[in-house]
Amino acid sequence: MSLQHHPGVGEDDLTYSTAGLAAVVTAMVHFEVAAERAVGKGVSGPGSFVPAFLDELYSIRMLTADGHVDWAGEARVLFGED
C-alpha cells in the first residue's frame, strides 16, 4: 500500500515529509563532502580536522549560494543493496 492511499495521510503531509527528507539528505551530503575535502587537505588529527572541516562547510555554502552545486557530485551515496 502506498502512502498516498493510506488513511489519514493527505497530499500536504506527503509534500511536507518529502521536503523534510530532502533537506536532511542534503545536509548529510554537505557534511560528508566537506569532511572528505577536509581529510584530503592532509589533516593529522582532530585539532587540524575541525578547522579544515569548518572551512570546507563554509566554502561549499558559498559555492551553493552562488549557484554552483557541482560539489554534490563528489558525494558517494548508495541507495538500496547494489
Protein backbone atom coordinates (compact mmCIF):
# COMPACT_ATOMS: atom_id res chain seq x y z
CA MET A 1 0.00 0.00 0.00
CA SER A 2 1.46 3.37 -0.95
CA LEU A 3 1.34 6.29 1.44
CA GLN A 4 -0.93 8.12 -0.97
CA HIS A 5 -3.67 5.61 -0.25
CA HIS A 6 -3.06 5.31 3.48
CA PRO A 7 -5.97 6.60 5.54
CA GLY A 8 -5.19 9.87 7.30
CA VAL A 9 -2.22 10.80 5.11
CA GLY A 10 -3.01 13.63 2.76
CA GLU A 11 -1.10 15.10 -0.15
CA ASP A 12 0.12 18.01 2.00
CA ASP A 13 1.59 15.53 4.51
CA LEU A 14 3.50 13.75 1.74
CA THR A 15 4.85 17.01 0.34
CA TYR A 16 6.00 18.12 3.79
CA SER A 17 7.68 14.81 4.65
CA THR A 18 9.35 14.60 1.23
CA ALA A 19 10.74 18.12 1.59
CA GLY A 20 11.97 17.31 5.09
CA LEU A 21 13.68 14.15 3.90
CA ALA A 22 15.32 16.02 1.03
CA ALA A 23 16.62 18.65 3.47
CA VAL A 24 18.08 16.02 5.79
CA VAL A 25 19.76 14.12 2.94
CA THR A 26 21.16 17.36 1.50
CA ALA A 27 22.61 18.34 4.89
CA MET A 28 24.20 14.93 5.33
CA VAL A 29 25.73 15.07 1.85
CA HIS A 30 27.01 18.58 2.58
CA PHE A 31 28.75 17.32 5.73
CA GLU A 32 30.10 14.20 4.01
CA VAL A 33 31.63 16.15 1.13
CA ALA A 34 33.08 18.76 3.50
CA ALA A 35 34.64 16.04 5.66
CA GLU A 36 36.15 14.27 2.64
CA ARG A 37 37.59 17.54 1.35
CA ALA A 38 39.00 18.38 4.79
CA VAL A 39 40.70 14.99 5.06
CA GLY A 40 42.07 15.46 1.54
CA LYS A 41 43.94 18.52 2.77
CA GLY A 42 46.19 16.26 4.82
CA VAL A 43 44.89 16.86 8.31
CA SER A 44 46.78 14.99 11.00
CA GLY A 45 44.29 14.82 13.86
CA PRO A 46 41.21 16.33 15.45
CA GLY A 47 42.96 19.63 16.13
CA SER A 48 43.63 20.17 12.44
CA PHE A 49 40.49 18.43 11.13
CA VAL A 50 37.93 20.70 12.80
CA PRO A 51 39.21 23.98 11.29
CA ALA A 52 39.62 22.35 7.85
CA PHE A 53 36.10 20.87 8.11
CA LEU A 54 34.58 24.22 9.09
CA ASP A 55 36.43 25.91 6.23
CA GLU A 56 35.01 23.35 3.79
CA LEU A 57 31.48 23.74 5.15
CA TYR A 58 31.80 27.48 4.57
CA SER A 59 33.31 27.02 1.12
CA ILE A 60 30.52 24.69 -0.01
CA ARG A 61 27.91 27.05 1.42
CA MET A 62 29.34 29.96 -0.54
CA LEU A 63 29.50 27.89 -3.74
CA THR A 64 25.88 26.88 -3.28
CA ALA A 65 24.82 30.48 -2.59
CA ASP A 66 26.45 31.46 -5.89
CA GLY A 67 24.51 28.74 -7.69
CA HIS A 68 27.37 26.25 -8.04
CA VAL A 69 26.29 22.81 -6.89
CA ASP A 70 28.93 20.72 -8.65
CA TRP A 71 30.26 19.74 -5.21
CA ALA A 72 27.26 17.44 -4.78
CA GLY A 73 28.74 15.19 -7.47
CA GLU A 74 31.57 14.34 -5.07
CA ALA A 75 29.16 12.54 -2.73
CA ARG A 76 29.21 8.78 -2.52
CA VAL A 77 25.60 7.92 -1.81
CA LEU A 78 24.25 4.41 -2.26
CA PHE A 79 20.57 3.58 -2.30
CA GLY A 80 19.47 0.03 -1.57
CA GLU A 81 21.62 -3.04 -1.88
CA ASP A 82 23.62 -2.99 -5.10
